[in-house]
PDB file of N, CA and C in Angstrom:
ATOM      1  N   MET A   1     -10.796 -10.389  -1.493  1.00  0.00           N
ATOM      2  CA  MET A   1      -9.491 -11.310  -0.876  1.00  0.00           C
ATOM      3  C   MET A   1      -9.825 -10.819   0.820  1.00  0.00           C
ATOM      4  N   ASN A   2      -9.744 -12.148   1.190  1.00  0.00           N
ATOM      5  CA  ASN A   2     -10.046 -12.644   2.248  1.00  0.00           C
ATOM      6  C   ASN A   2      -8.507 -12.168   2.874  1.00  0.00           C
ATOM      7  N   ASN A   3      -7.427 -12.572   2.282  1.00  0.00           N
ATOM      8  CA  ASN A   3      -5.904 -12.709   3.275  1.00  0.00           C
ATOM      9  C   ASN A   3      -5.925 -10.913   2.583  1.00  0.00           C
ATOM     10  N   PRO A   4      -4.987 -10.532   3.601  1.00  0.00           N
ATOM     11  CA  PRO A   4      -4.996  -9.430   3.304  1.00  0.00           C
ATOM     12  C   PRO A   4      -2.971  -9.424   2.440  1.00  0.00           C
ATOM     13  N   ILE A   5      -2.573  -8.563   1.954  1.00  0.00           N
ATOM     14  CA  ILE A   5      -0.977  -8.935   1.958  1.00  0.00           C
ATOM     15  C   ILE A   5      -0.656  -7.944   2.527  1.00  0.00           C
ATOM     16  N   THR A   6       0.810  -8.474   2.738  1.00  0.00           N
ATOM     17  CA  THR A   6       1.452  -8.157   3.720  1.00  0.00           C
ATOM     18  C   THR A   6       2.997  -7.368   3.402  1.00  0.00           C
ATOM     19  N   ILE A   7       3.900  -6.812   4.111  1.00  0.00           N
ATOM     20  CA  ILE A   7       4.841  -5.875   3.488  1.00  0.00           C
ATOM     21  C   ILE A   7       5.708  -5.774   4.569  1.00  0.00           C
ATOM     22  N   LEU A   8       6.854  -6.426   4.191  1.00  0.00           N
ATOM     23  CA  LEU A   8       7.544  -6.469   5.295  1.00  0.00           C
ATOM     24  C   LEU A   8       9.088  -6.514   4.544  1.00  0.00           C
ATOM     25  N   PHE A   9      10.050  -4.751   5.003  1.00  0.00           N
ATOM     26  CA  PHE A   9      11.410  -4.906   4.622  1.00  0.00           C
ATOM     27  C   PHE A   9      12.276  -5.459   6.023  1.00  0.00           C
ATOM     28  N   TYR A  10      13.611  -5.981   5.340  1.00  0.00           N
ATOM     29  CA  TYR A  10      14.477  -6.513   5.747  1.00  0.00           C
ATOM     30  C   TYR A  10      15.762  -6.806   5.269  1.00  0.00           C
ATOM     31  N   LEU A  11      17.100  -7.147   6.634  1.00  0.00           N
ATOM     32  CA  LEU A  11      18.167  -7.176   5.473  1.00  0.00           C
ATOM     33  C   LEU A  11      18.699  -8.103   5.083  1.00  0.00           C
ATOM     34  N   LYS A  12      19.187  -8.631   4.485  1.00  0.00           N
ATOM     35  CA  LYS A  12      19.993  -9.178   4.136  1.00  0.00           C
ATOM     36  C   LYS A  12      21.387  -9.465   4.054  1.00  0.00           C
ATOM     37  N   ARG A  13      21.742  -9.894   5.560  1.00  0.00           N
ATOM     38  CA  ARG A  13      23.171  -9.643   5.997  1.00  0.00           C
ATOM     39  C   ARG A  13      24.031 -10.256   5.199  1.00  0.00           C
ATOM     40  N   ALA A  14      23.669 -11.651   4.779  1.00  0.00           N
ATOM     41  CA  ALA A  14      24.294 -12.662   3.855  1.00  0.00           C
ATOM     42  C   ALA A  14      25.162 -11.807   3.038  1.00  0.00           C
ATOM     43  N   LYS A  15      24.459 -10.739   2.331  1.00  0.00           N
ATOM     44  CA  LYS A  15      24.766 -10.215   1.015  1.00  0.00           C
ATOM     45  C   LYS A  15      25.893  -8.866   1.347  1.00  0.00           C
ATOM     46  N   ALA A  16      26.155  -8.696   2.291  1.00  0.00           N
ATOM     47  CA  ALA A  16      26.793  -7.842   2.662  1.00  0.00           C
ATOM     48  C   ALA A  16      27.733  -7.578   0.713  1.00  0.00           C
ATOM     49  N   ASN A  17      27.944  -5.745   1.039  1.00  0.00           N
ATOM     50  CA  ASN A  17      28.765  -5.882   0.072  1.00  0.00           C
ATOM     51  C   ASN A  17      30.812  -5.404   1.059  1.00  0.00           C
ATOM     52  N   SER A  18      31.617  -5.219  -0.069  1.00  0.00           N
ATOM     53  CA  SER A  18      33.080  -5.004   0.694  1.00  0.00           C
ATOM     54  C   SER A  18      32.999  -3.988   1.255  1.00  0.00           C
ATOM     55  N   ASN A  19      32.113  -3.027   1.113  1.00  0.00           N
ATOM     56  CA  ASN A  19      31.669  -1.758   2.408  1.00  0.00           C
ATOM     57  C   ASN A  19      31.142  -1.809   3.317  1.00  0.00           C
ATOM     58  N   GLY A  20      30.771  -3.836   3.418  1.00  0.00           N
ATOM     59  CA  GLY A  20      30.188  -3.650   4.814  1.00  0.00           C
ATOM     60  C   GLY A  20      28.629  -3.000   4.704  1.00  0.00           C
ATOM     61  N   LEU A  21      28.526  -2.847   3.931  1.00  0.00           N
ATOM     62  CA  LEU A  21      26.359  -2.472   3.291  1.00  0.00           C
ATOM     63  C   LEU A  21      25.996  -3.592   3.445  1.00  0.00           C
ATOM     64  N   VAL A  22      24.319  -3.735   3.687  1.00  0.00           N
ATOM     65  CA  VAL A  22      24.108  -4.738   3.391  1.00  0.00           C
ATOM     66  C   VAL A  22      22.918  -4.206   2.499  1.00  0.00           C
ATOM     67  N   PRO A  23      21.905  -4.873   1.804  1.00  0.00           N
ATOM     68  CA  PRO A  23      20.876  -4.501   0.973  1.00  0.00           C
ATOM     69  C   PRO A  23      19.111  -4.670   1.331  1.00  0.00           C
ATOM     70  N   ILE A  24      18.723  -3.697   1.191  1.00  0.00           N
ATOM     71  CA  ILE A  24      17.026  -3.593   1.961  1.00  0.00           C
ATOM     72  C   ILE A  24      16.465  -4.757   1.202  1.00  0.00           C
ATOM     73  N   PHE A  25      15.533  -5.620   1.467  1.00  0.00           N
ATOM     74  CA  PHE A  25      15.050  -6.555   0.506  1.00  0.00           C
ATOM     75  C   PHE A  25      13.807  -6.422   1.168  1.00  0.00           C
ATOM     76  N   GLN A  26      12.897  -6.991   0.235  1.00  0.00           N
ATOM     77  CA  GLN A  26      10.587  -6.228   0.748  1.00  0.00           C
ATOM     78  C   GLN A  26      10.554  -8.109   0.619  1.00  0.00           C
ATOM     79  N   ARG A  27       9.221  -8.491   1.639  1.00  0.00           N
ATOM     80  CA  ARG A  27       9.548  -9.353   1.229  1.00  0.00           C
ATOM     81  C   ARG A  27       7.575  -9.233   0.735  1.00  0.00           C
ATOM     82  N   ILE A  28       6.722  -9.636   0.466  1.00  0.00           N
ATOM     83  CA  ILE A  28       5.538  -9.286  -0.449  1.00  0.00           C
ATOM     84  C   ILE A  28       4.626 -11.186   0.585  1.00  0.00           C
ATOM     85  N   THR A  29       4.186 -10.347   1.272  1.00  0.00           N
ATOM     86  CA  THR A  29       2.864 -12.128   1.571  1.00  0.00           C
ATOM     87  C   THR A  29       1.457 -12.297   0.956  1.00  0.00           C
ATOM     88  N   ILE A  30       1.335 -12.991   0.098  1.00  0.00           N
ATOM     89  CA  ILE A  30      -0.396 -12.982  -0.109  1.00  0.00           C
ATOM     90  C   ILE A  30      -0.838 -14.382  -0.045  1.00  0.00           C
ATOM     91  N   ASN A  31      -2.024 -14.764   0.609  1.00  0.00           N
ATOM     92  CA  ASN A  31      -2.085 -16.212   0.628  1.00  0.00           C
ATOM     93  C   ASN A  31      -1.645 -16.937   1.061  1.00  0.00           C
ATOM     94  N   GLY A  32      -0.064 -16.842   1.725  1.00  0.00           N
ATOM     95  CA  GLY A  32       0.916 -18.100   2.364  1.00  0.00           C
ATOM     96  C   GLY A  32       2.190 -17.492   0.967  1.00  0.00           C
ATOM     97  N   LYS A  33       1.728 -16.852   0.297  1.00  0.00           N
ATOM     98  CA  LYS A  33       3.253 -17.132  -0.547  1.00  0.00           C
ATOM     99  C   LYS A  33       3.921 -15.600  -0.164  1.00  0.00           C
ATOM    100  N   ARG A  34       4.870 -16.282  -0.565  1.00  0.00           N
ATOM    101  CA  ARG A  34       6.199 -15.393  -0.323  1.00  0.00           C
ATOM    102  C   ARG A  34       6.453 -14.551  -1.874  1.00  0.00           C
ATOM    103  N   LEU A  35       7.276 -13.429  -1.559  1.00  0.00           N
ATOM    104  CA  LEU A  35       8.162 -13.217  -3.348  1.00  0.00           C
ATOM    105  C   LEU A  35       9.023 -11.670  -2.422  1.00  0.00           C
ATOM    106  N   ASP A  36      10.387 -12.458  -2.653  1.00  0.00           N
ATOM    107  CA  ASP A  36      10.910 -11.344  -1.714  1.00  0.00           C
ATOM    108  C   ASP A  36      11.819 -10.486  -3.371  1.00  0.00           C
ATOM    109  N   ASN A  37      12.218  -9.329  -2.473  1.00  0.00           N
ATOM    110  CA  ASN A  37      12.524  -8.388  -4.181  1.00  0.00           C
ATOM    111  C   ASN A  37      13.346  -7.625  -3.698  1.00  0.00           C
ATOM    112  N   SER A  38      15.207  -7.448  -3.621  1.00  0.00           N
ATOM    113  CA  SER A  38      15.751  -6.156  -3.833  1.00  0.00           C
ATOM    114  C   SER A  38      15.226  -5.090  -4.306  1.00  0.00           C
ATOM    115  N   THR A  39      15.255  -4.068  -2.944  1.00  0.00           N
ATOM    116  CA  THR A  39      14.901  -2.704  -3.126  1.00  0.00           C
ATOM    117  C   THR A  39      15.578  -1.394  -4.023  1.00  0.00           C
ATOM    118  N   GLY A  40      17.014  -2.494  -3.953  1.00  0.00           N
ATOM    119  CA  GLY A  40      17.858  -1.962  -4.896  1.00  0.00           C
ATOM    120  C   GLY A  40      18.897  -0.482  -3.613  1.00  0.00           C
ATOM    121  N   LYS A  41      18.783  -1.069  -2.490  1.00  0.00           N
ATOM    122  CA  LYS A  41      19.431   0.570  -1.378  1.00  0.00           C
ATOM    123  C   LYS A  41      20.118  -0.575  -0.618  1.00  0.00           C
ATOM    124  N   PHE A  42      20.931   0.302  -0.152  1.00  0.00           N
ATOM    125  CA  PHE A  42      22.451  -0.485   0.424  1.00  0.00           C
ATOM    126  C   PHE A  42      22.423   0.577   1.747  1.00  0.00           C
ATOM    127  N   ILE A  43      22.093  -0.192   3.311  1.00  0.00           N
ATOM    128  CA  ILE A  43      22.488   0.481   4.055  1.00  0.00           C
ATOM    129  C   ILE A  43      23.673  -0.329   5.387  1.00  0.00           C
ATOM    130  N   ASP A  44      24.186   0.489   6.006  1.00  0.00           N
ATOM    131  CA  ASP A  44      25.035   0.440   7.237  1.00  0.00           C
ATOM    132  C   ASP A  44      23.957  -0.335   8.070  1.00  0.00           C
ATOM    133  N   PRO A  45      24.177  -1.767   8.306  1.00  0.00           N
ATOM    134  CA  PRO A  45      23.357  -2.344   9.202  1.00  0.00           C
ATOM    135  C   PRO A  45      22.927  -2.026  10.721  1.00  0.00           C
ATOM    136  N   THR A  46      23.668  -1.254  11.274  1.00  0.00           N
ATOM    137  CA  THR A  46      23.708  -0.504  12.548  1.00  0.00           C
ATOM    138  C   THR A  46      22.495   0.585  13.009  1.00  0.00           C
ATOM    139  N   ASN A  47      22.722   1.016  11.763  1.00  0.00           N
ATOM    140  CA  ASN A  47      20.922   1.916  11.560  1.00  0.00           C
ATOM    141  C   ASN A  47      20.196   1.772  11.106  1.00  0.00           C
ATOM    142  N   TRP A  48      19.642  -0.003  11.056  1.00  0.00           N
ATOM    143  CA  TRP A  48      18.311  -0.219  10.793  1.00  0.00           C
ATOM    144  C   TRP A  48      17.184  -0.545  11.595  1.00  0.00           C
ATOM    145  N   ASN A  49      15.883  -0.081  11.918  1.00  0.00           N
ATOM    146  CA  ASN A  49      15.132  -0.584  13.256  1.00  0.00           C
ATOM    147  C   ASN A  49      13.937  -1.251  12.812  1.00  0.00           C
ATOM    148  N   ALA A  50      14.966  -2.971  13.224  1.00  0.00           N
ATOM    149  CA  ALA A  50      13.818  -4.148  12.746  1.00  0.00           C
ATOM    150  C   ALA A  50      12.691  -4.079  12.860  1.00  0.00           C
ATOM    151  N   ASP A  51      12.439  -3.435  13.850  1.00  0.00           N
ATOM    152  CA  ASP A  51      11.080  -3.973  14.147  1.00  0.00           C
ATOM    153  C   ASP A  51      10.135  -3.046  13.843  1.00  0.00           C
ATOM    154  N   LEU A  52      10.460  -1.717  13.241  1.00  0.00           N
ATOM    155  CA  LEU A  52       9.961  -0.564  12.286  1.00  0.00           C
ATOM    156  C   LEU A  52      10.271  -0.941  10.831  1.00  0.00           C
ATOM    157  N   SER A  53      11.217  -1.753  10.559  1.00  0.00           N
ATOM    158  CA  SER A  53      11.508  -2.001   9.046  1.00  0.00           C
ATOM    159  C   SER A  53      12.026  -0.162   8.242  1.00  0.00           C
ATOM    160  N   ARG A  54      12.084   0.328   8.926  1.00  0.00           N
ATOM    161  CA  ARG A  54      13.410   1.413   8.552  1.00  0.00           C
ATOM    162  C   ARG A  54      14.305   1.700   8.978  1.00  0.00           C
ATOM    163  N   LEU A  55      14.676   2.934   8.918  1.00  0.00           N
ATOM    164  CA  LEU A  55      16.385   2.968   8.600  1.00  0.00           C
ATOM    165  C   LEU A  55      16.418   4.423   9.557  1.00  0.00           C
ATOM    166  N   LYS A  56      17.029   4.107  10.739  1.00  0.00           N
ATOM    167  CA  LYS A  56      17.354   5.045  12.223  1.00  0.00           C
ATOM    168  C   LYS A  56      17.128   6.264  12.056  1.00  0.00           C
ATOM    169  N   GLY A  57      17.125   6.984  12.881  1.00  0.00           N
ATOM    170  CA  GLY A  57      17.404   8.690  12.550  1.00  0.00           C
ATOM    171  C   GLY A  57      16.390   9.489  11.683  1.00  0.00           C
ATOM    172  N   ASN A  58      16.917  10.907  11.155  1.00  0.00           N
ATOM    173  CA  ASN A  58      16.198  11.616  10.933  1.00  0.00           C
ATOM    174  C   ASN A  58      17.037  12.611   9.813  1.00  0.00           C
ATOM    175  N   SER A  59      18.609  11.509   9.767  1.00  0.00           N
ATOM    176  CA  SER A  59      19.534  12.783   8.395  1.00  0.00           C
ATOM    177  C   SER A  59      18.778  12.518   6.859  1.00  0.00           C
ATOM    178  N   ALA A  60      19.491  12.750   6.397  1.00  0.00           N
ATOM    179  CA  ALA A  60      19.101  12.665   4.930  1.00  0.00           C
ATOM    180  C   ALA A  60      18.711  11.114   4.244  1.00  0.00           C
ATOM    181  N   GLU A  61      20.014  11.014   4.556  1.00  0.00           N
ATOM    182  CA  GLU A  61      19.961   9.376   3.574  1.00  0.00           C
ATOM    183  C   GLU A  61      18.210   8.305   4.374  1.00  0.00           C
ATOM    184  N   ALA A  62      18.790   8.034   5.552  1.00  0.00           N
ATOM    185  CA  ALA A  62      17.688   7.885   6.582  1.00  0.00           C
ATOM    186  C   ALA A  62      15.682   8.127   5.873  1.00  0.00           C
ATOM    187  N   ARG A  63      16.179   9.513   5.336  1.00  0.00           N
ATOM    188  CA  ARG A  63      14.984  10.379   4.937  1.00  0.00           C
ATOM    189  C   ARG A  63      14.625   9.773   3.631  1.00  0.00           C
ATOM    190  N   THR A  64      15.551   9.625   2.656  1.00  0.00           N
ATOM    191  CA  THR A  64      15.465   9.527   1.179  1.00  0.00           C
ATOM    192  C   THR A  64      14.835   7.979   1.300  1.00  0.00           C
ATOM    193  N   ILE A  65      16.437   6.929   2.388  1.00  0.00           N
ATOM    194  CA  ILE A  65      15.743   5.261   2.333  1.00  0.00           C
ATOM    195  C   ILE A  65      13.878   5.460   2.777  1.00  0.00           C
ATOM    196  N   ASN A  66      13.536   5.631   3.860  1.00  0.00           N
ATOM    197  CA  ASN A  66      12.083   5.281   4.116  1.00  0.00           C
ATOM    198  C   ASN A  66      11.215   6.007   3.327  1.00  0.00           C
ATOM    199  N   SER A  67      11.491   7.447   2.264  1.00  0.00           N
ATOM    200  CA  SER A  67      10.693   7.419   1.811  1.00  0.00           C
ATOM    201  C   SER A  67      10.629   6.590   0.000  1.00  0.00           C
ATOM    202  N   HIS A  68      11.443   6.084  -0.184  1.00  0.00           N
ATOM    203  CA  HIS A  68      11.495   5.032  -0.980  1.00  0.00           C
ATOM    204  C   HIS A  68      10.758   3.918  -0.519  1.00  0.00           C
ATOM    205  N   LEU A  69      11.385   3.891   0.727  1.00  0.00           N
ATOM    206  CA  LEU A  69      10.046   2.280   0.969  1.00  0.00           C
ATOM    207  C   LEU A  69       8.763   2.053   1.122  1.00  0.00           C
ATOM    208  N   GLU A  70       8.510   3.211   1.346  1.00  0.00           N
ATOM    209  CA  GLU A  70       6.948   3.726   2.247  1.00  0.00           C
ATOM    210  C   GLU A  70       6.540   4.363   0.215  1.00  0.00           C
ATOM    211  N   ASN A  71       7.456   4.680  -0.073  1.00  0.00           N
ATOM    212  CA  ASN A  71       6.830   4.675  -1.857  1.00  0.00           C
ATOM    213  C   ASN A  71       6.853   3.496  -2.313  1.00  0.00           C
ATOM    214  N   LEU A  72       7.501   2.326  -2.085  1.00  0.00           N
ATOM    215  CA  LEU A  72       7.255   0.755  -2.287  1.00  0.00           C
ATOM    216  C   LEU A  72       5.871  -0.230  -2.424  1.00  0.00           C
ATOM    217  N   LYS A  73       6.126   0.642  -0.613  1.00  0.00           N
ATOM    218  CA  LYS A  73       4.885   0.467  -0.310  1.00  0.00           C
ATOM    219  C   LYS A  73       3.323   0.838  -0.608  1.00  0.00           C
ATOM    220  N   GLY A  74       3.474   1.977  -0.666  1.00  0.00           N
ATOM    221  CA  GLY A  74       2.260   2.784  -2.224  1.00  0.00           C
ATOM    222  C   GLY A  74       1.877   1.850  -2.933  1.00  0.00           C
ATOM    223  N   LYS A  75       2.700   1.300  -3.674  1.00  0.00           N
ATOM    224  CA  LYS A  75       2.196   0.604  -5.188  1.00  0.00           C
ATOM    225  C   LYS A  75       2.376  -0.357  -5.110  1.00  0.00           C
ATOM    226  N   ILE A  76       2.150  -1.273  -4.063  1.00  0.00           N
ATOM    227  CA  ILE A  76       2.135  -2.634  -3.261  1.00  0.00           C
ATOM    228  C   ILE A  76       0.357  -1.876  -3.371  1.00  0.00           C
ATOM    229  N   TYR A  77       0.266  -1.352  -2.383  1.00  0.00           N
ATOM    230  CA  TYR A  77      -1.562  -1.565  -2.333  1.00  0.00           C
ATOM    231  C   TYR A  77      -2.374  -0.838  -3.369  1.00  0.00           C
ATOM    232  N   GLU A  78      -1.558   0.189  -3.864  1.00  0.00           N
ATOM    233  CA  GLU A  78      -2.410   0.698  -4.871  1.00  0.00           C
ATOM    234  C   GLU A  78      -2.636  -0.253  -6.457  1.00  0.00           C
ATOM    235  N   ALA A  79      -1.806  -1.289  -6.306  1.00  0.00           N
ATOM    236  CA  ALA A  79      -2.295  -2.681  -7.391  1.00  0.00           C
ATOM    237  C   ALA A  79      -3.133  -4.075  -6.337  1.00  0.00           C
ATOM    238  N   GLU A  80      -3.050  -3.480  -5.228  1.00  0.00           N
ATOM    239  CA  GLU A  80      -4.251  -4.550  -5.112  1.00  0.00           C
ATOM    240  C   GLU A  80      -5.528  -4.093  -4.844  1.00  0.00           C
ATOM    241  N   LYS A  81      -5.766  -2.729  -4.590  1.00  0.00           N
ATOM    242  CA  LYS A  81      -7.223  -1.884  -4.979  1.00  0.00           C
ATOM    243  C   LYS A  81      -7.305  -2.226  -6.121  1.00  0.00           C
ATOM    244  N   LYS A  82      -6.768  -2.008  -7.096  1.00  0.00           N
ATOM    245  CA  LYS A  82      -6.539  -1.970  -8.772  1.00  0.00           C
ATOM    246  C   LYS A  82      -6.983  -4.018  -9.488  1.00  0.00           C
ATOM    247  N   LEU A  83      -6.497  -4.870  -8.290  1.00  0.00           N
ATOM    248  CA  LEU A  83      -7.259  -6.152  -8.676  1.00  0.00           C
ATOM    249  C   LEU A  83      -8.371  -5.771  -7.459  1.00  0.00           C
ATOM    250  N   ILE A  84      -8.404  -5.716  -6.730  1.00  0.00           N
ATOM    251  CA  ILE A  84     -10.040  -5.905  -6.033  1.00  0.00           C
ATOM    252  C   ILE A  84     -11.068  -5.335  -6.977  1.00  0.00           C
ATOM    253  N   SER A  85     -10.688  -3.716  -7.727  1.00  0.00           N
ATOM    254  CA  SER A  85     -12.019  -3.247  -8.403  1.00  0.00           C
ATOM    255  C   SER A  85     -12.519  -4.373  -9.189  1.00  0.00           C
ATOM    256  N   GLY A  86     -10.857  -4.659 -10.158  1.00  0.00           N
ATOM    257  CA  GLY A  86     -10.842  -5.521 -10.840  1.00  0.00           C
ATOM    258  C   GLY A  86     -12.166  -6.499 -11.282  1.00  0.00           C
ATOM    259  N   MET A  87     -11.967  -7.424  -9.725  1.00  0.00           N
ATOM    260  CA  MET A  87     -12.691  -8.547  -9.083  1.00  0.00           C
ATOM    261  C   MET A  87     -13.792  -7.959  -9.525  1.00  0.00           C
ATOM    262  N   LYS A  88     -14.793  -6.421  -8.793  1.00  0.00           N
ATOM    263  CA  LYS A  88     -15.785  -6.725  -8.891  1.00  0.00           C
ATOM    264  C   LYS A  88     -16.684  -6.224  -9.446  1.00  0.00           C
ATOM    265  N   ASN A  89     -15.615  -5.961 -10.656  1.00  0.00           N
ATOM    266  CA  ASN A  89     -16.914  -5.572 -12.214  1.00  0.00           C
ATOM    267  C   ASN A  89     -17.429  -6.843 -12.682  1.00  0.00           C
TER     268      ASN A  89
END
């Protein structure tokens, strides 16, 4: 695969719930094609670091959500490795 997979986590501010929390979405781009999925997590948008695609701080909530996002990213890269190894066989 010449084109790497890129993964971006972003907030979908237009979908804020009644508590003012917004969902974190995941964008996967492969060969210029995008796939957007909800991560199922909602956060206060003031706690989001858009440059790092992570929740700011070291609170229990921030550690839990950042860990969840890293886990999702790891699953995508694992699936990519399986696809690549399947193509080589």
